[in-house]
Structure formats: C-alpha cells, structure tokens
C-alpha cells in the first residue's frame, strides 16, 4: 500500500529540515519505505478535509490504506514498530528506545519550542526580551542532564534507534539559537545523526520539496 505523508506547501524554515515532516521522512528512509508527499497550504490545513486527518490542523499526517495517523511521535512509533531497523529486538532495549522517543517529545522539546513562541508569537510583547534568558536557562538545564546521560557514547542506549532519531530531530531545532554549540557531546551526537545516509536522503528530499517551483 502507498504511504502518503503531508508537509507544508512551503515550510516556514525555508527547507532547513526543522519542520516535523522531516523526522517522519527520516524514519521512512531508515526503514527503506517508499512514500509520497502531499503539500498542504496554511489555508488548507484549516479545511475539513485536512482536519479529518489532523484535528488540530497541523502537519505531518500519515496515510497507509485505511490507516490515518497524526503526531510525528505516533507516526514514527508506528513505522518503527512494524518495520525493522528502528527498534531493538531485545524487549527491554526496545522499551528503553520507546522511552527516549517520549523523553525527546515530552521533556526536551517543550522548552526548545518556547524559543519559537517567544520570538515569533510574543516578540511584540514588552516582556518578551526578559523572558528569553529564562527560556535559555531551562533549555540548558535539560541539555546538561541529557549530555550527562549520553557521555561519550555514540547513541543514547546502545545502537541507533527511533529514540535517537527523535532526540536528534528535536535538538536540531536548537541550531539557530547557538545553544547546542555549548554542549560538545550533544553537538557531536546531532552531527552523527545528520551523517546517517537515511537522514541525508530525507533532508535532501524535503529541501527539494521546499525549493521546487510552484505555479
């Protein structure tokens, strides 16, 4: 069955790989799965057809036969659970990899997303500039904890897994801020993720998608 995912018709980041469809593309590439991408405009994201797939009017979504999913974490967990290469065979190691998916989304990403909110949605507020250092401190606290856990290891728990894919994808959102560079172990960790051939293919595809000519 054909796999179809949705992506921004034109990503706000201009094709730098920060939109969440990139992490889904990466998982599909790691699993060796062919897929199609359907562009969605910001207007179309609020229309009934898309809201039927994603009730919150966002991207990405995932369609395969009668199955329709939303939320990048759920999509990646589905891909990893049904195709080899993204979750370990050992039951305990598999559970730990899933834990890292949740940690990336629930513990590490929220303070990182506050930067985007403060800059682009609250940038005109009189307290916005005062809030930024507080956000940066919360991010550094999480990164200190994550860096201590990673140490000198290549990946979070043995071999590369969907947990690493998600964590690297989340940490990439920090690159514009420069905060990631303050943590050499984590910067090297992200670089290892970016060096994976599957990530390279996913990034190239989404970049071409975002720079394609439109009528």
Protein backbone atom coordinates (compact mmCIF):
# COMPACT_ATOMS: atom_id res chain seq x y z
CA UNK A 1 0.00 0.00 0.00
CA UNK A 2 1.16 3.51 -0.79
CA UNK A 3 2.32 5.61 2.15
CA UNK A 4 1.41 9.30 1.90
CA UNK A 5 2.54 11.98 4.32
CA UNK A 6 1.67 15.66 4.39
CA UNK A 7 4.08 18.56 4.61
CA UNK A 8 3.92 22.33 4.46
CA UNK A 9 3.43 23.56 0.92
CA UNK A 10 6.24 25.94 1.83
CA UNK A 11 7.90 25.35 5.19
CA UNK A 12 8.43 28.43 7.39
CA UNK A 13 12.09 27.40 7.76
CA UNK A 14 12.66 27.50 4.00
CA UNK A 15 13.76 23.87 3.80
CA UNK A 16 16.24 23.66 6.67
CA UNK A 17 14.71 20.42 7.92
CA UNK A 18 13.15 21.80 11.11
CA UNK A 19 9.52 21.05 10.22
CA UNK A 20 8.22 17.80 11.68
CA UNK A 21 7.68 16.08 8.34
CA UNK A 22 11.49 15.75 8.13
CA UNK A 23 11.62 13.39 11.11
CA UNK A 24 8.91 11.23 9.54
CA UNK A 25 10.75 11.20 6.21
CA UNK A 26 13.89 10.16 8.09
CA UNK A 27 12.11 7.23 9.76
CA UNK A 28 10.70 6.10 6.44
CA UNK A 29 14.16 6.28 4.86
CA UNK A 30 15.70 4.31 7.74
CA UNK A 31 13.02 1.65 7.24
CA UNK A 32 13.57 1.60 3.48
CA UNK A 33 9.96 2.53 2.72
CA UNK A 34 8.80 4.41 -0.35
CA UNK A 35 6.38 7.26 0.28
CA UNK A 36 4.62 10.15 -1.36
CA UNK A 37 4.32 13.70 -0.02
CA UNK A 38 1.18 15.78 -0.37
CA UNK A 39 1.75 19.52 0.11
CA UNK A 40 -0.72 21.38 2.29
CA UNK A 41 -1.07 25.15 2.36
CA UNK A 42 -1.73 27.02 5.59
CA UNK A 43 -5.27 27.70 4.39
CA UNK A 44 -5.88 24.05 3.51
CA UNK A 45 -4.65 22.95 6.94
CA UNK A 46 -7.78 24.53 8.44
CA UNK A 47 -10.23 22.99 5.96
CA UNK A 48 -12.42 19.96 6.78
CA UNK A 49 -10.51 17.53 4.56
CA UNK A 50 -7.26 18.07 6.45
CA UNK A 51 -8.91 18.45 9.84
CA UNK A 52 -10.36 14.99 9.30
CA UNK A 53 -6.77 13.70 9.22
CA UNK A 54 -5.34 16.07 11.84
CA UNK A 55 -7.94 17.58 14.18
CA UNK A 56 -5.52 20.33 15.24
CA UNK A 57 -4.79 21.49 11.69
CA UNK A 58 -1.07 20.75 11.62
CA UNK A 59 1.40 18.56 9.76
CA UNK A 60 2.54 15.87 9.30
CA UNK A 61 -0.11 13.24 8.77
CA UNK A 62 0.41 9.66 7.63
CA UNK A 63 -1.90 7.58 5.45
CA UNK A 64 -1.47 3.94 4.55
CA UNK A 65 -4.54 2.14 3.23
CA UNK A 66 -7.32 2.65 5.77
CA UNK A 67 -4.90 3.86 8.46
CA UNK A 68 -4.55 7.59 9.08
CA UNK A 69 -2.27 8.95 11.80
CA UNK A 70 -1.20 12.36 13.09
CA UNK A 71 1.52 13.48 15.54
CA UNK A 72 5.10 12.79 14.49
CA UNK A 73 5.83 10.68 17.57
CA UNK A 74 2.89 8.37 16.93
CA UNK A 75 3.82 8.08 13.26
CA UNK A 76 7.43 7.24 13.98
CA UNK A 77 6.45 4.73 16.65
CA UNK A 78 4.13 3.06 14.13
CA UNK A 79 6.85 2.89 11.48
CA UNK A 80 9.43 1.60 13.96
CA UNK A 81 7.02 -1.00 15.38
CA UNK A 82 6.14 -2.51 12.02
CA UNK A 83 9.43 -2.38 10.14
CA UNK A 84 12.95 -3.47 11.16
CA UNK A 85 15.83 -1.12 11.83
CA UNK A 86 14.47 1.43 14.28
CA UNK A 87 13.76 -0.58 17.43
CA UNK A 88 15.94 -3.29 19.04
CA UNK A 89 14.81 -6.92 19.08
CA UNK A 90 15.50 -7.27 22.81
CA UNK A 91 12.32 -6.50 24.75
CA UNK A 92 13.94 -4.33 27.40
CA UNK A 93 16.11 -2.42 24.94
CA UNK A 94 13.04 -1.85 22.80
CA UNK A 95 11.16 -0.40 25.76
CA UNK A 96 14.07 1.91 26.56
CA UNK A 97 14.18 3.15 22.95
CA UNK A 98 10.47 3.97 23.14
CA UNK A 99 11.12 5.79 26.42
CA UNK A 100 13.63 8.04 24.64
CA UNK A 101 11.02 8.89 21.98
CA UNK A 102 8.73 10.13 24.75
CA UNK A 103 11.59 11.90 26.54
CA UNK A 104 12.51 13.80 23.39
CA UNK A 105 8.93 14.96 22.83
CA UNK A 106 7.74 15.49 26.39
CA UNK A 107 10.85 16.61 28.29
CA UNK A 108 13.39 18.06 25.87
CA UNK A 109 11.31 19.63 23.10
CA UNK A 110 8.84 21.78 25.11
CA UNK A 111 11.38 24.33 26.41
CA UNK A 112 13.01 24.43 22.96
CA UNK A 113 9.69 25.31 21.37
CA UNK A 114 9.32 28.21 23.79
CA UNK A 115 12.06 30.00 21.84
CA UNK A 116 9.90 29.95 18.71
CA UNK A 117 6.87 31.13 20.66
CA UNK A 118 8.79 33.96 22.34
CA UNK A 119 10.35 35.17 19.09
CA UNK A 120 7.55 34.88 16.58
CA UNK A 121 4.30 34.88 18.56
CA UNK A 122 5.22 37.02 21.55
CA UNK A 123 8.05 39.09 20.09
CA UNK A 124 5.98 42.27 20.22
CA UNK A 125 5.20 41.91 23.92
CA UNK A 126 7.08 44.23 26.32
CA UNK A 127 8.22 41.26 28.43
CA UNK A 128 9.44 39.12 25.53
CA UNK A 129 13.13 40.07 25.79
CA UNK A 130 13.14 39.48 29.54
CA UNK A 131 11.65 36.04 29.03
CA UNK A 132 14.30 34.80 26.59
CA UNK A 133 17.12 34.31 29.15
CA UNK A 134 14.74 32.32 31.35
CA UNK A 135 13.85 30.06 28.44
CA UNK A 136 17.52 29.59 27.57
CA UNK A 137 18.29 28.60 31.15
CA UNK A 138 15.53 25.98 31.14
CA UNK A 139 16.90 24.56 27.91
CA UNK A 140 20.45 24.44 29.29
CA UNK A 141 19.21 22.58 32.35
CA UNK A 142 17.71 19.86 30.14
CA UNK A 143 20.76 19.72 27.90
CA UNK A 144 23.07 19.39 30.89
CA UNK A 145 21.06 16.39 32.05
CA UNK A 146 20.92 14.84 28.58
CA UNK A 147 24.63 15.40 27.97
CA UNK A 148 25.49 13.76 31.29
CA UNK A 149 23.45 10.71 30.33
CA UNK A 150 24.93 10.47 26.82
CA UNK A 151 28.51 10.96 27.94
CA UNK A 152 30.98 9.72 25.32
CA UNK A 153 28.56 7.20 23.81
CA UNK A 154 27.55 7.41 20.17
CA UNK A 155 23.86 6.86 20.91
CA UNK A 156 21.57 7.02 23.91
CA UNK A 157 21.22 3.29 24.55
CA UNK A 158 23.48 1.05 22.51
CA UNK A 159 22.76 1.02 18.79
CA UNK A 160 20.94 3.81 16.93
CA UNK A 161 17.18 3.63 17.39
CA UNK A 162 13.98 5.58 16.88
CA UNK A 163 14.74 7.20 20.25
CA UNK A 164 17.89 8.73 18.80
CA UNK A 165 16.08 9.72 15.62
CA UNK A 166 13.55 11.67 17.63
CA UNK A 167 16.07 13.20 20.02
CA UNK A 168 18.35 14.37 17.20
CA UNK A 169 15.34 15.81 15.36
CA UNK A 170 14.35 17.76 18.47
CA UNK A 171 17.88 19.02 19.15
CA UNK A 172 18.23 20.22 15.57
CA UNK A 173 15.61 22.85 16.35
CA UNK A 174 18.17 24.46 18.66
CA UNK A 175 20.74 25.10 15.95
CA UNK A 176 19.57 28.64 15.05
CA UNK A 177 19.87 29.68 18.72
CA UNK A 178 23.50 28.59 19.10
CA UNK A 179 22.76 26.91 22.43
CA UNK A 180 23.54 23.44 21.08
CA UNK A 181 27.15 24.52 20.44
CA UNK A 182 27.60 24.97 24.19
CA UNK A 183 27.32 21.18 24.60
CA UNK A 184 30.05 19.46 22.55
CA UNK A 185 28.86 15.91 23.27
CA UNK A 186 25.35 16.75 22.10
CA UNK A 187 26.57 18.71 19.08
CA UNK A 188 28.63 15.68 18.04
CA UNK A 189 25.63 13.42 18.69
CA UNK A 190 23.46 15.52 16.39
CA UNK A 191 26.19 15.53 13.74
CA UNK A 192 26.28 11.71 13.84
CA UNK A 193 22.55 11.64 13.25
CA UNK A 194 22.82 14.07 10.34
CA UNK A 195 25.60 11.96 8.81
CA UNK A 196 23.38 8.90 8.50
CA UNK A 197 22.56 8.19 4.84
CA UNK A 198 18.86 7.93 5.61
CA UNK A 199 18.86 11.40 7.17
CA UNK A 200 20.80 12.78 4.22
CA UNK A 201 18.17 11.41 1.82
CA UNK A 202 15.30 12.72 3.94
CA UNK A 203 16.85 16.17 4.24
CA UNK A 204 17.60 16.38 0.52
CA UNK A 205 14.06 15.35 -0.37
CA UNK A 206 12.40 17.88 1.93
CA UNK A 207 14.78 20.62 0.80
CA UNK A 208 13.99 19.91 -2.85
CA UNK A 209 10.30 19.85 -1.95
CA UNK A 210 10.55 23.28 -0.34
CA UNK A 211 12.53 24.87 -3.14
CA UNK A 212 10.54 23.40 -6.04
CA UNK A 213 8.90 25.88 -8.42
CA UNK A 214 5.18 26.38 -7.99
CA UNK A 215 2.62 27.62 -10.45
